[in-house]
Each structure stands twice: as structure tokens, then as C-alpha cells.
Amino acid sequence: MSNTPLDCLIVGAGPAGLTAATYLARFRRHVLLADAGASRARWIPASHNCPGFPFGVGGNELLARFRLQAQAYGVPEVHTRITQLARHADGFTASDGERHWQARTVILATGVIDRVPALEDIDEAIAAGTVRLCAVCDAYEARDEVIGVLAPAQAAIGHAAFLRTFSRQVCALASDGDAADPALRRRASDAGVQLWPAPQRLALVDGACQVYFADGRRLRLDTLYPALGAEVQSGLASALGATLDAEGAVVVDDHLQTSVPGLHAIGDVVSSLNQISVAVGHAAIAATTVHRRLPRNYC
């Protein structure tokens, strides 16, 4: 552990964390980026929704570009998972269980972990675009396909209705078994959505998602959207007493400041539209706020 505290420790190296690190390095701040290697962006086979990439970009390629930009300004990076964060009079102490770092401020860009269905070959299905995790990002690429949404009935119908903008063949798979509810069936019908019961098994077959039901029926989907929620990685903020919302996301103000002074949160760990462009905007605001609130760093 260095005797000189960091101006800012950035926890998480997805688009948000890498952007915040770049901004602060260009502000000539002493920073460290902690990367556990679990950015949600790595799941993206190809995004056509990311500004500046009209022909699409893969998640790992995008992360590599963000990282290259941060490295160009000398951002130091440690490949570890921060497991403890404590606040004291001069700032924060972070630890990965073996090493410790002192920082005047901290930016959490720890994101979320998507809940994925028990589908055989799930990694391959995501890489092929058969299973997609964000309808806002890529429903356009699934247009006119047979699309399914897997979620509790209420949520599945809502997400499926959104996807009716892109296809006439949209199914809602009620993971909670409420497919027989007459009110829900009317709601699905009014939205032009087929309501199905909970799948017994899901499998990747010839590039499509094969759905097997307990009554022997089968359904072939070109694209499956699981809307099963996500595990918000807000444990570090919670341990410091930061305010969380009902879903466990970190509550922040207009400057991405949490309820804990000196602690900011950006990207998917904050309750907002989970998009790369939003995360990058969060990073710009938080990093600039941190720089302005820290003591001047005159040459």
C-alpha cells in the first residue's frame, strides 16, 4: 500500500469505469482502476446501437478500445476484485483481502450480473445472438423473427408488447406458471402476444432456441430474451450505508454522488437505462465532479 493516497479509486473496468479513469487521468489526477474482469459488455457479440460504430462492434473489441485509450494516458490497472471498502476521515481504504489502497474518493462502476435461463450451451447461444440480453440495444437486429420473452407472466407480457414494434410473432413464456390467468391472457391477446406456460427445458438446436413444454408441445424461437432481472453489484456501497433503491441499485444525485460523501456510482449499478452511452455519460459527470471537488493540483 502506497503512503500517498489516490485521488480516486475506480472499481470496475467496463465502459463506465474505463471512461472515468480516462477523464481523471486527463485531469492529471492520481488514479487506480481495479478490474475483476467481469464487465457485462463482454457478453455482446455485436452491438449496432453504440454511437460511433455504424457497422457494429463486439463487446470485447469495444472494451479493448476503451482500455487502450485509458492506457494512453497512463492509467494504472490492477486485476483484482475489491471485496472491502471502509470510510475514514481522509477518504477510503479498499482491500481485495490481501492488498490495501487508500483513496480520497471512490467511483463504483461495478455493474450488474444478468440472471440467465437454464439453457444448454448458454454461452454459445449468447454469442450467436439466439439469446439476447437487451431489447433496447438489439431488438432491431431481431426484427421479423420469432421472438420469445422468458419472465414472470406480468413482466413477460410487458416486455413482449415492447417487442411487438419489431415483430408480429412474439411469445411470452410465463416462468412463474401464470399463463392460465384469464386477465393475463386478455392482456397478452390485446397486445398481439402469445402467452405460453413455463418451459420444461430450453436447448440450442440448429442456431435456434428450442422450447420444450411439460405437455409435449415444442416451440422454436429465433431469438429469446430472458427478462429475469439482474443481481446489482452494490455490496460495497451498501456496506458503507449508501442509499439503495428497492431493486438494490445505488441511489445518486445529479452528479452521481451517493449518500456517502466522496463515493460516486456510475453505469448499471445505478438505477437507470442500462446502456453503454448512458454509462459513458455517467462517467464524464462523475469524473468531472470528483476533479472539481478535490484540492487543486497545480503544476
C-alpha atoms as a PDB file:
ATOM      1  CA  MET A   1       0.000   0.000   0.000  1.00  0.00           C
ATOM      2  CA  SER A   2       1.404   3.373  -1.023  1.00  0.00           C
ATOM      3  CA  ASN A   3       1.719   6.088   1.602  1.00  0.00           C
ATOM      4  CA  THR A   4       0.356   8.596  -0.895  1.00  0.00           C
ATOM      5  CA  PRO A   5      -3.428   8.252  -1.205  1.00  0.00           C
ATOM      6  CA  LEU A   6      -5.000   8.036  -4.614  1.00  0.00           C
ATOM      7  CA  ASP A   7      -7.118  10.933  -5.746  1.00  0.00           C
ATOM      8  CA  CYS A   8      -9.639   8.356  -6.907  1.00  0.00           C
ATOM      9  CA  LEU A   9     -10.033   4.605  -6.978  1.00  0.00           C
ATOM     10  CA  ILE A  10     -12.298   3.390  -9.784  1.00  0.00           C
ATOM     11  CA  VAL A  11     -13.818  -0.030  -9.097  1.00  0.00           C
ATOM     12  CA  GLY A  12     -14.934  -1.783 -12.271  1.00  0.00           C
ATOM     13  CA  ALA A  13     -13.476  -1.646 -15.767  1.00  0.00           C
ATOM     14  CA  GLY A  14     -16.447  -1.694 -18.102  1.00  0.00           C
ATOM     15  CA  PRO A  15     -17.210   1.269 -20.378  1.00  0.00           C
ATOM     16  CA  ALA A  16     -18.158   3.420 -17.360  1.00  0.00           C
ATOM     17  CA  GLY A  17     -15.085   2.691 -15.265  1.00  0.00           C
ATOM     18  CA  LEU A  18     -12.647   2.965 -18.162  1.00  0.00           C
ATOM     19  CA  THR A  19     -14.147   6.286 -19.258  1.00  0.00           C
ATOM     20  CA  ALA A  20     -13.991   7.708 -15.733  1.00  0.00           C
ATOM     21  CA  ALA A  21     -10.337   6.646 -15.483  1.00  0.00           C
ATOM     22  CA  THR A  22      -9.514   8.325 -18.792  1.00  0.00           C
ATOM     23  CA  TYR A  23     -11.189  11.570 -17.761  1.00  0.00           C
ATOM     24  CA  LEU A  24      -9.413  11.689 -14.415  1.00  0.00           C
ATOM     25  CA  ALA A  25      -6.040  10.847 -15.962  1.00  0.00           C
ATOM     26  CA  ARG A  26      -6.512  13.704 -18.413  1.00  0.00           C
ATOM     27  CA  PHE A  27      -7.307  15.916 -15.401  1.00  0.00           C
ATOM     28  CA  ARG A  28      -3.844  14.804 -14.179  1.00  0.00           C
ATOM     29  CA  ARG A  29      -5.259  13.029 -11.166  1.00  0.00           C
ATOM     30  CA  HIS A  30      -3.588  10.118  -9.361  1.00  0.00           C
ATOM     31  CA  VAL A  31      -5.949   7.199 -10.007  1.00  0.00           C
ATOM     32  CA  LEU A  32      -6.089   3.417  -9.976  1.00  0.00           C
ATOM     33  CA  LEU A  33      -8.501   1.201 -11.884  1.00  0.00           C
ATOM     34  CA  ALA A  34      -9.495  -2.108 -10.246  1.00  0.00           C
ATOM     35  CA  ASP A  35     -10.741  -4.680 -12.754  1.00  0.00           C
ATOM     36  CA  ALA A  36     -12.301  -8.015 -11.768  1.00  0.00           C
ATOM     37  CA  GLY A  37     -12.676  -8.944 -15.461  1.00  0.00           C
ATOM     38  CA  ALA A  38     -16.452  -9.340 -15.349  1.00  0.00           C
ATOM     39  CA  SER A  39     -17.778  -6.422 -17.412  1.00  0.00           C
ATOM     40  CA  ARG A  40     -21.271  -7.082 -18.720  1.00  0.00           C
ATOM     41  CA  ALA A  41     -20.146  -5.672 -22.077  1.00  0.00           C
ATOM     42  CA  ARG A  42     -18.058  -8.770 -22.742  1.00  0.00           C
ATOM     43  CA  TRP A  43     -21.303 -10.670 -23.459  1.00  0.00           C
ATOM     44  CA  ILE A  44     -22.101  -8.505 -26.505  1.00  0.00           C
ATOM     45  CA  PRO A  45     -21.468 -10.448 -29.742  1.00  0.00           C
ATOM     46  CA  ALA A  46     -22.000  -7.292 -31.827  1.00  0.00           C
ATOM     47  CA  SER A  47     -23.737  -4.045 -30.961  1.00  0.00           C
ATOM     48  CA  HIS A  48     -25.157  -1.781 -33.656  1.00  0.00           C
ATOM     49  CA  ASN A  49     -26.559   0.569 -31.037  1.00  0.00           C
ATOM     50  CA  CYS A  50     -23.268   2.016 -29.802  1.00  0.00           C
ATOM     51  CA  PRO A  51     -22.675   5.577 -31.041  1.00  0.00           C
ATOM     52  CA  GLY A  52     -19.733   5.889 -33.398  1.00  0.00           C
ATOM     53  CA  PHE A  53     -19.817   2.301 -34.684  1.00  0.00           C
ATOM     54  CA  PRO A  54     -22.241   2.303 -37.627  1.00  0.00           C
ATOM     55  CA  PHE A  55     -21.228  -1.203 -38.713  1.00  0.00           C
ATOM     56  CA  GLY A  56     -21.374  -2.697 -35.236  1.00  0.00           C
ATOM     57  CA  VAL A  57     -18.779  -3.590 -32.642  1.00  0.00           C
ATOM     58  CA  GLY A  58     -18.227  -6.609 -30.418  1.00  0.00           C
ATOM     59  CA  GLY A  59     -18.196  -6.131 -26.677  1.00  0.00           C
ATOM     60  CA  ASN A  60     -14.618  -7.316 -26.167  1.00  0.00           C
ATOM     61  CA  GLU A  61     -13.389  -5.154 -29.028  1.00  0.00           C
ATOM     62  CA  LEU A  62     -15.175  -2.164 -27.543  1.00  0.00           C
ATOM     63  CA  LEU A  63     -13.651  -2.802 -24.118  1.00  0.00           C
ATOM     64  CA  ALA A  64     -10.219  -3.099 -25.715  1.00  0.00           C
ATOM     65  CA  ARG A  65     -10.645   0.324 -27.339  1.00  0.00           C
ATOM     66  CA  PHE A  66     -11.759   1.918 -24.055  1.00  0.00           C
ATOM     67  CA  ARG A  67      -8.802   0.295 -22.282  1.00  0.00           C
ATOM     68  CA  LEU A  68      -6.311   1.404 -24.956  1.00  0.00           C
ATOM     69  CA  GLN A  69      -7.495   4.981 -24.535  1.00  0.00           C
ATOM     70  CA  ALA A  70      -7.078   4.822 -20.755  1.00  0.00           C
ATOM     71  CA  GLN A  71      -3.630   3.271 -21.114  1.00  0.00           C
ATOM     72  CA  ALA A  72      -2.593   6.054 -23.473  1.00  0.00           C
ATOM     73  CA  TYR A  73      -2.881   8.442 -20.514  1.00  0.00           C
ATOM     74  CA  GLY A  74      -1.019   6.159 -18.149  1.00  0.00           C
ATOM     75  CA  VAL A  75      -3.957   4.811 -16.144  1.00  0.00           C
ATOM     76  CA  PRO A  76      -2.581   2.088 -13.832  1.00  0.00           C
ATOM     77  CA  GLU A  77      -4.724  -1.005 -13.528  1.00  0.00           C
ATOM     78  CA  VAL A  78      -4.842  -3.822 -11.014  1.00  0.00           C
ATOM     79  CA  HIS A  79      -6.602  -7.048 -11.948  1.00  0.00           C
ATOM     80  CA  THR A  80      -8.441  -7.943  -8.779  1.00  0.00           C
ATOM     81  CA  ARG A  81     -11.814  -7.829  -7.072  1.00  0.00           C
ATOM     82  CA  ILE A  82     -12.260  -5.231  -4.354  1.00  0.00           C
ATOM     83  CA  THR A  83     -14.051  -7.001  -1.528  1.00  0.00           C
ATOM     84  CA  GLN A  84     -13.947  -4.403   1.239  1.00  0.00           C
ATOM     85  CA  LEU A  85     -14.358  -0.656   1.316  1.00  0.00           C
ATOM     86  CA  ALA A  86     -14.116   1.396   4.513  1.00  0.00           C
ATOM     87  CA  ARG A  87     -14.544   5.127   5.020  1.00  0.00           C
ATOM     88  CA  HIS A  88     -12.427   7.261   7.343  1.00  0.00           C
ATOM     89  CA  ALA A  89     -11.660  10.937   7.914  1.00  0.00           C
ATOM     90  CA  ASP A  90      -9.257  11.211   4.953  1.00  0.00           C
ATOM     91  CA  GLY A  91     -11.254   9.162   2.460  1.00  0.00           C
ATOM     92  CA  PHE A  92     -11.445   5.427   1.909  1.00  0.00           C
ATOM     93  CA  THR A  93      -9.463   2.235   2.343  1.00  0.00           C
ATOM     94  CA  ALA A  94     -10.111  -0.507  -0.204  1.00  0.00           C
ATOM     95  CA  SER A  95      -8.955  -4.107   0.018  1.00  0.00           C
ATOM     96  CA  ASP A  96      -9.031  -7.263  -2.071  1.00  0.00           C
ATOM     97  CA  GLY A  97      -8.347  -9.387   1.005  1.00  0.00           C
ATOM     98  CA  GLU A  98      -4.580  -9.241   0.592  1.00  0.00           C
ATOM     99  CA  ARG A  99      -3.666  -5.736  -0.539  1.00  0.00           C
ATOM    100  CA  HIS A 100      -4.933  -2.336   0.582  1.00  0.00           C
ATOM    101  CA  TRP A 101      -5.261   1.036  -1.146  1.00  0.00           C
ATOM    102  CA  GLN A 102      -6.006   4.480   0.251  1.00  0.00           C
ATOM    103  CA  ALA A 103      -8.105   6.878  -1.834  1.00  0.00           C
ATOM    104  CA  ARG A 104      -9.596  10.315  -1.247  1.00  0.00           C
ATOM    105  CA  THR A 105     -12.607   9.399  -3.406  1.00  0.00           C
ATOM    106  CA  VAL A 106     -14.068   6.262  -4.970  1.00  0.00           C
ATOM    107  CA  ILE A 107     -16.129   5.723  -8.125  1.00  0.00           C
ATOM    108  CA  LEU A 108     -18.065   2.455  -8.203  1.00  0.00           C
ATOM    109  CA  ALA A 109     -18.663   1.073 -11.692  1.00  0.00           C
ATOM    110  CA  THR A 110     -19.425  -2.453 -10.523  1.00  0.00           C
ATOM    111  CA  GLY A 111     -22.448  -3.071 -12.748  1.00  0.00           C
ATOM    112  CA  VAL A 112     -24.901  -5.956 -12.624  1.00  0.00           C
ATOM    113  CA  ILE A 113     -24.864  -9.687 -13.297  1.00  0.00           C
ATOM    114  CA  ASP A 114     -27.687 -10.838 -15.560  1.00  0.00           C
ATOM    115  CA  ARG A 115     -29.814 -13.776 -14.496  1.00  0.00           C
ATOM    116  CA  VAL A 116     -29.752 -16.137 -17.470  1.00  0.00           C
ATOM    117  CA  PRO A 117     -32.028 -19.106 -18.135  1.00  0.00           C
ATOM    118  CA  ALA A 118     -31.018 -22.727 -17.658  1.00  0.00           C
ATOM    119  CA  LEU A 119     -30.414 -23.184 -21.370  1.00  0.00           C
ATOM    120  CA  GLU A 120     -27.946 -25.746 -22.592  1.00  0.00           C
ATOM    121  CA  ASP A 121     -24.923 -24.075 -24.246  1.00  0.00           C
ATOM    122  CA  ILE A 122     -25.929 -20.637 -22.935  1.00  0.00           C
ATOM    123  CA  ASP A 123     -22.564 -19.056 -23.804  1.00  0.00           C
ATOM    124  CA  GLU A 124     -22.824 -20.281 -27.383  1.00  0.00           C
ATOM    125  CA  ALA A 125     -26.439 -19.092 -27.598  1.00  0.00           C
ATOM    126  CA  ILE A 126     -25.486 -15.583 -26.478  1.00  0.00           C
ATOM    127  CA  ALA A 127     -22.502 -15.459 -28.846  1.00  0.00           C
ATOM    128  CA  ALA A 128     -24.767 -16.477 -31.742  1.00  0.00           C
ATOM    129  CA  GLY A 129     -27.401 -13.866 -30.898  1.00  0.00           C
ATOM    130  CA  THR A 130     -30.022 -16.537 -30.227  1.00  0.00           C
ATOM    131  CA  VAL A 131     -30.246 -15.358 -26.625  1.00  0.00           C
ATOM    132  CA  ARG A 132     -30.161 -11.569 -26.304  1.00  0.00           C
ATOM    133  CA  LEU A 133     -29.965  -9.653 -23.055  1.00  0.00           C
ATOM    134  CA  CYS A 134     -31.109  -6.154 -24.022  1.00  0.00           C
ATOM    135  CA  ALA A 135     -34.091  -5.403 -26.240  1.00  0.00           C
ATOM    136  CA  VAL A 136     -33.288  -1.683 -26.223  1.00  0.00           C
ATOM    137  CA  CYS A 137     -29.837  -2.471 -27.655  1.00  0.00           C
ATOM    138  CA  ASP A 138     -30.595  -5.046 -30.293  1.00  0.00           C
ATOM    139  CA  ALA A 139     -34.302  -5.726 -30.898  1.00  0.00           C
ATOM    140  CA  TYR A 140     -33.827  -4.069 -34.292  1.00  0.00           C
ATOM    141  CA  GLU A 141     -31.496  -6.944 -35.231  1.00  0.00           C
ATOM    142  CA  ALA A 142     -34.237  -9.437 -34.274  1.00  0.00           C
ATOM    143  CA  ARG A 143     -36.920  -7.724 -36.371  1.00  0.00           C
ATOM    144  CA  ASP A 144     -39.409 -10.000 -38.128  1.00  0.00           C
ATOM    145  CA  GLU A 145     -38.081 -13.054 -36.259  1.00  0.00           C
ATOM    146  CA  VAL A 146     -39.976 -15.365 -33.945  1.00  0.00           C
ATOM    147  CA  ILE A 147     -39.159 -13.819 -30.566  1.00  0.00           C
ATOM    148  CA  GLY A 148     -39.769 -15.145 -27.075  1.00  0.00           C
ATOM    149  CA  VAL A 149     -39.555 -13.407 -23.706  1.00  0.00           C
ATOM    150  CA  LEU A 150     -38.939 -15.519 -20.606  1.00  0.00           C
ATOM    151  CA  ALA A 151     -40.027 -13.886 -17.344  1.00  0.00           C
ATOM    152  CA  PRO A 152     -42.836 -13.963 -14.773  1.00  0.00           C
ATOM    153  CA  ALA A 153     -46.077 -13.537 -16.713  1.00  0.00           C
ATOM    154  CA  GLN A 154     -46.682  -9.845 -15.941  1.00  0.00           C
ATOM    155  CA  ALA A 155     -43.153  -8.840 -16.914  1.00  0.00           C
ATOM    156  CA  ALA A 156     -43.038 -11.205 -19.889  1.00  0.00           C
ATOM    157  CA  ILE A 157     -46.178  -9.681 -21.410  1.00  0.00           C
ATOM    158  CA  GLY A 158     -44.871  -6.153 -20.861  1.00  0.00           C
ATOM    159  CA  HIS A 159     -41.520  -6.897 -22.500  1.00  0.00           C
ATOM    160  CA  ALA A 160     -43.215  -8.818 -25.294  1.00  0.00           C
ATOM    161  CA  ALA A 161     -45.532  -5.869 -26.006  1.00  0.00           C
ATOM    162  CA  PHE A 162     -42.450  -3.652 -26.363  1.00  0.00           C
ATOM    163  CA  LEU A 163     -41.002  -6.137 -28.866  1.00  0.00           C
ATOM    164  CA  ARG A 164     -44.164  -6.058 -30.987  1.00  0.00           C
ATOM    165  CA  THR A 165     -42.636  -2.938 -32.532  1.00  0.00           C
ATOM    166  CA  PHE A 166     -40.142  -5.259 -34.206  1.00  0.00           C
ATOM    167  CA  SER A 167     -42.050  -8.457 -34.996  1.00  0.00           C
ATOM    168  CA  ARG A 168     -45.574  -9.823 -35.356  1.00  0.00           C
ATOM    169  CA  GLN A 169     -44.521 -13.148 -33.848  1.00  0.00           C
ATOM    170  CA  VAL A 170     -43.742 -12.505 -30.187  1.00  0.00           C
ATOM    171  CA  CYS A 171     -44.314 -15.012 -27.389  1.00  0.00           C
ATOM    172  CA  ALA A 172     -44.370 -14.518 -23.637  1.00  0.00           C
ATOM    173  CA  LEU A 173     -43.134 -17.533 -21.651  1.00  0.00           C
ATOM    174  CA  ALA A 174     -44.522 -17.320 -18.121  1.00  0.00           C
ATOM    175  CA  SER A 175     -41.699 -18.541 -15.901  1.00  0.00           C
ATOM    176  CA  ASP A 176     -43.975 -18.286 -12.837  1.00  0.00           C
ATOM    177  CA  GLY A 177     -46.667 -20.532 -14.294  1.00  0.00           C
ATOM    178  CA  ASP A 178     -49.383 -17.841 -14.501  1.00  0.00           C
ATOM    179  CA  ALA A 179     -50.148 -18.476 -18.174  1.00  0.00           C
ATOM    180  CA  ALA A 180     -53.684 -19.705 -17.418  1.00  0.00           C
ATOM    181  CA  ASP A 181     -54.783 -16.494 -15.674  1.00  0.00           C
ATOM    182  CA  PRO A 182     -57.714 -15.094 -17.757  1.00  0.00           C
ATOM    183  CA  ALA A 183     -56.788 -11.447 -17.117  1.00  0.00           C
ATOM    184  CA  LEU A 184     -53.220 -12.038 -18.219  1.00  0.00           C
ATOM    185  CA  ARG A 185     -54.359 -13.931 -21.284  1.00  0.00           C
ATOM    186  CA  ARG A 186     -56.603 -10.997 -22.260  1.00  0.00           C
ATOM    187  CA  ARG A 187     -53.763  -8.569 -21.734  1.00  0.00           C
ATOM    188  CA  ALA A 188     -51.458 -10.671 -23.911  1.00  0.00           C
ATOM    189  CA  SER A 189     -54.115 -11.013 -26.604  1.00  0.00           C
ATOM    190  CA  ASP A 190     -54.754  -7.259 -26.641  1.00  0.00           C
ATOM    191  CA  ALA A 191     -51.028  -6.726 -27.226  1.00  0.00           C
ATOM    192  CA  GLY A 192     -50.877  -9.288 -30.014  1.00  0.00           C
ATOM    193  CA  VAL A 193     -48.700 -11.574 -27.895  1.00  0.00           C
ATOM    194  CA  GLN A 194     -48.951 -15.353 -27.488  1.00  0.00           C
ATOM    195  CA  LEU A 195     -48.847 -16.394 -23.811  1.00  0.00           C
ATOM    196  CA  TRP A 196     -47.208 -19.752 -23.094  1.00  0.00           C
ATOM    197  CA  PRO A 197     -46.633 -21.670 -19.841  1.00  0.00           C
ATOM    198  CA  ALA A 198     -43.256 -22.114 -18.194  1.00  0.00           C
ATOM    199  CA  PRO A 199     -40.800 -24.109 -20.314  1.00  0.00           C
ATOM    200  CA  GLN A 200     -39.727 -27.508 -19.082  1.00  0.00           C
ATOM    201  CA  ARG A 201     -36.414 -27.287 -20.955  1.00  0.00           C
ATOM    202  CA  LEU A 202     -34.570 -24.931 -23.273  1.00  0.00           C
ATOM    203  CA  ALA A 203     -31.922 -26.008 -25.778  1.00  0.00           C
ATOM    204  CA  LEU A 204     -29.905 -24.549 -28.627  1.00  0.00           C
ATOM    205  CA  VAL A 205     -30.820 -26.526 -31.762  1.00  0.00           C
ATOM    206  CA  ASP A 206     -29.531 -25.596 -35.236  1.00  0.00           C
ATOM    207  CA  GLY A 207     -28.954 -21.993 -34.212  1.00  0.00           C
ATOM    208  CA  ALA A 208     -32.423 -21.536 -32.709  1.00  0.00           C
ATOM    209  CA  CYS A 209     -33.852 -21.838 -29.207  1.00  0.00           C
ATOM    210  CA  GLN A 210     -35.964 -24.969 -28.902  1.00  0.00           C
ATOM    211  CA  VAL A 211     -38.525 -24.724 -26.105  1.00  0.00           C
ATOM    212  CA  TYR A 212     -39.960 -27.909 -24.609  1.00  0.00           C
ATOM    213  CA  PHE A 213     -43.157 -27.856 -22.516  1.00  0.00           C
ATOM    214  CA  ALA A 214     -44.429 -30.369 -19.958  1.00  0.00           C
ATOM    215  CA  ASP A 215     -47.461 -31.226 -22.117  1.00  0.00           C
ATOM    216  CA  GLY A 216     -45.230 -32.319 -25.020  1.00  0.00           C
ATOM    217  CA  ARG A 217     -45.549 -29.170 -27.115  1.00  0.00           C
ATOM    218  CA  ARG A 218     -42.482 -27.546 -28.631  1.00  0.00           C
ATOM    219  CA  LEU A 219     -41.773 -24.017 -29.766  1.00  0.00           C
ATOM    220  CA  ARG A 220     -38.929 -22.830 -31.969  1.00  0.00           C
ATOM    221  CA  LEU A 221     -37.669 -19.304 -31.327  1.00  0.00           C
ATOM    222  CA  ASP A 222     -35.212 -17.394 -33.470  1.00  0.00           C
ATOM    223  CA  THR A 223     -34.475 -15.141 -30.501  1.00  0.00           C
ATOM    224  CA  LEU A 224     -35.050 -15.488 -26.767  1.00  0.00           C
ATOM    225  CA  TYR A 225     -34.985 -12.522 -24.393  1.00  0.00           C
ATOM    226  CA  PRO A 226     -34.696 -13.578 -20.747  1.00  0.00           C
ATOM    227  CA  ALA A 227     -36.150 -10.805 -18.595  1.00  0.00           C
ATOM    228  CA  LEU A 228     -35.290 -12.433 -15.295  1.00  0.00           C
ATOM    229  CA  GLY A 229     -33.658  -9.411 -13.732  1.00  0.00           C
ATOM    230  CA  ALA A 230     -30.094  -8.953 -12.592  1.00  0.00           C
ATOM    231  CA  GLU A 231     -28.006  -9.023  -9.439  1.00  0.00           C
ATOM    232  CA  VAL A 232     -26.935  -5.437  -8.792  1.00  0.00           C
ATOM    233  CA  GLN A 233     -23.327  -5.357  -7.605  1.00  0.00           C
ATOM    234  CA  SER A 234     -23.941  -2.740  -4.936  1.00  0.00           C
ATOM    235  CA  GLY A 235     -22.494  -4.579  -1.947  1.00  0.00           C
ATOM    236  CA  LEU A 236     -19.566  -2.195  -1.463  1.00  0.00           C
ATOM    237  CA  ALA A 237     -21.899   0.801  -1.431  1.00  0.00           C
ATOM    238  CA  SER A 238     -24.377  -0.922   0.866  1.00  0.00           C
ATOM    239  CA  ALA A 239     -21.663  -1.808   3.375  1.00  0.00           C
ATOM    240  CA  LEU A 240     -20.860   1.897   3.689  1.00  0.00           C
ATOM    241  CA  GLY A 241     -24.512   2.746   4.316  1.00  0.00           C
ATOM    242  CA  ALA A 242     -25.212   4.221   0.877  1.00  0.00           C
ATOM    243  CA  THR A 243     -28.884   4.501  -0.025  1.00  0.00           C
ATOM    244  CA  LEU A 244     -30.171   1.808  -2.380  1.00  0.00           C
ATOM    245  CA  ASP A 245     -33.488   1.613  -4.215  1.00  0.00           C
ATOM    246  CA  ALA A 246     -35.977  -1.258  -3.996  1.00  0.00           C
ATOM    247  CA  GLU A 247     -34.060  -3.220  -6.636  1.00  0.00           C
ATOM    248  CA  GLY A 248     -30.732  -2.795  -4.873  1.00  0.00           C
ATOM    249  CA  ALA A 249     -29.362  -0.172  -7.261  1.00  0.00           C
ATOM    250  CA  VAL A 250     -27.356   2.711  -5.825  1.00  0.00           C
ATOM    251  CA  VAL A 251     -29.254   5.984  -5.459  1.00  0.00           C
ATOM    252  CA  VAL A 252     -27.268   9.011  -6.680  1.00  0.00           C
ATOM    253  CA  ASP A 253     -27.805  12.720  -7.237  1.00  0.00           C
ATOM    254  CA  ASP A 254     -27.358  14.674 -10.472  1.00  0.00           C
ATOM    255  CA  HIS A 255     -23.582  14.500 -10.037  1.00  0.00           C
ATOM    256  CA  LEU A 256     -23.619  10.699  -9.500  1.00  0.00           C
ATOM    257  CA  GLN A 257     -22.752  11.255  -5.836  1.00  0.00           C
ATOM    258  CA  THR A 258     -24.138   8.627  -3.465  1.00  0.00           C
ATOM    259  CA  SER A 259     -25.441   9.414   0.007  1.00  0.00           C
ATOM    260  CA  VAL A 260     -21.881   8.740   1.274  1.00  0.00           C
ATOM    261  CA  PRO A 261     -19.644  11.798   0.758  1.00  0.00           C
ATOM    262  CA  GLY A 262     -16.809  11.103  -1.679  1.00  0.00           C
ATOM    263  CA  LEU A 263     -18.425   7.935  -3.038  1.00  0.00           C
ATOM    264  CA  HIS A 264     -19.810   8.064  -6.572  1.00  0.00           C
ATOM    265  CA  ALA A 265     -21.559   5.329  -8.564  1.00  0.00           C
ATOM    266  CA  ILE A 266     -21.929   5.101 -12.349  1.00  0.00           C
ATOM    267  CA  GLY A 267     -23.222   2.752 -15.015  1.00  0.00           C
ATOM    268  CA  ASP A 268     -25.527  -0.214 -14.489  1.00  0.00           C
ATOM    269  CA  VAL A 269     -25.056  -0.262 -10.690  1.00  0.00           C
ATOM    270  CA  VAL A 270     -27.131   2.941 -10.711  1.00  0.00           C
ATOM    271  CA  SER A 271     -30.858   2.744 -11.395  1.00  0.00           C
ATOM    272  CA  SER A 272     -31.163   3.997 -14.965  1.00  0.00           C
ATOM    273  CA  LEU A 273     -31.359   2.846 -18.575  1.00  0.00           C
ATOM    274  CA  ASN A 274     -28.619   0.217 -18.807  1.00  0.00           C
ATOM    275  CA  GLN A 275     -26.851   1.389 -21.929  1.00  0.00           C
ATOM    276  CA  ILE A 276     -23.203   1.957 -22.834  1.00  0.00           C
ATOM    277  CA  SER A 277     -23.924   5.531 -23.877  1.00  0.00           C
ATOM    278  CA  VAL A 278     -25.607   6.211 -20.512  1.00  0.00           C
ATOM    279  CA  ALA A 279     -22.680   4.654 -18.625  1.00  0.00           C
ATOM    280  CA  VAL A 280     -20.201   6.818 -20.523  1.00  0.00           C
ATOM    281  CA  GLY A 281     -22.261   9.917 -19.717  1.00  0.00           C
ATOM    282  CA  HIS A 282     -22.334   8.943 -16.047  1.00  0.00           C
ATOM    283  CA  ALA A 283     -18.553   8.567 -16.102  1.00  0.00           C
ATOM    284  CA  ALA A 284     -17.980  12.002 -17.600  1.00  0.00           C
ATOM    285  CA  ILE A 285     -20.191  13.678 -14.995  1.00  0.00           C
ATOM    286  CA  ALA A 286     -18.788  11.777 -12.017  1.00  0.00           C
ATOM    287  CA  ALA A 287     -15.134  12.171 -13.014  1.00  0.00           C
ATOM    288  CA  THR A 288     -15.529  15.902 -13.606  1.00  0.00           C
ATOM    289  CA  THR A 289     -17.301  16.301 -10.267  1.00  0.00           C
ATOM    290  CA  VAL A 290     -14.547  14.390  -8.454  1.00  0.00           C
ATOM    291  CA  HIS A 291     -11.875  16.564 -10.071  1.00  0.00           C
ATOM    292  CA  ARG A 292     -13.630  19.798  -9.152  1.00  0.00           C
ATOM    293  CA  ARG A 293     -14.225  18.773  -5.530  1.00  0.00           C
ATOM    294  CA  LEU A 294     -10.694  17.580  -4.872  1.00  0.00           C
ATOM    295  CA  PRO A 295      -7.978  20.069  -3.847  1.00  0.00           C
ATOM    296  CA  ARG A 296      -6.359  21.867  -6.752  1.00  0.00           C
ATOM    297  CA  ASN A 297      -3.468  20.029  -8.394  1.00  0.00           C
ATOM    298  CA  TYR A 298      -1.367  22.933  -9.655  1.00  0.00           C
ATOM    299  CA  CYS A 299       1.703  22.213 -11.759  1.00  0.00           C
END
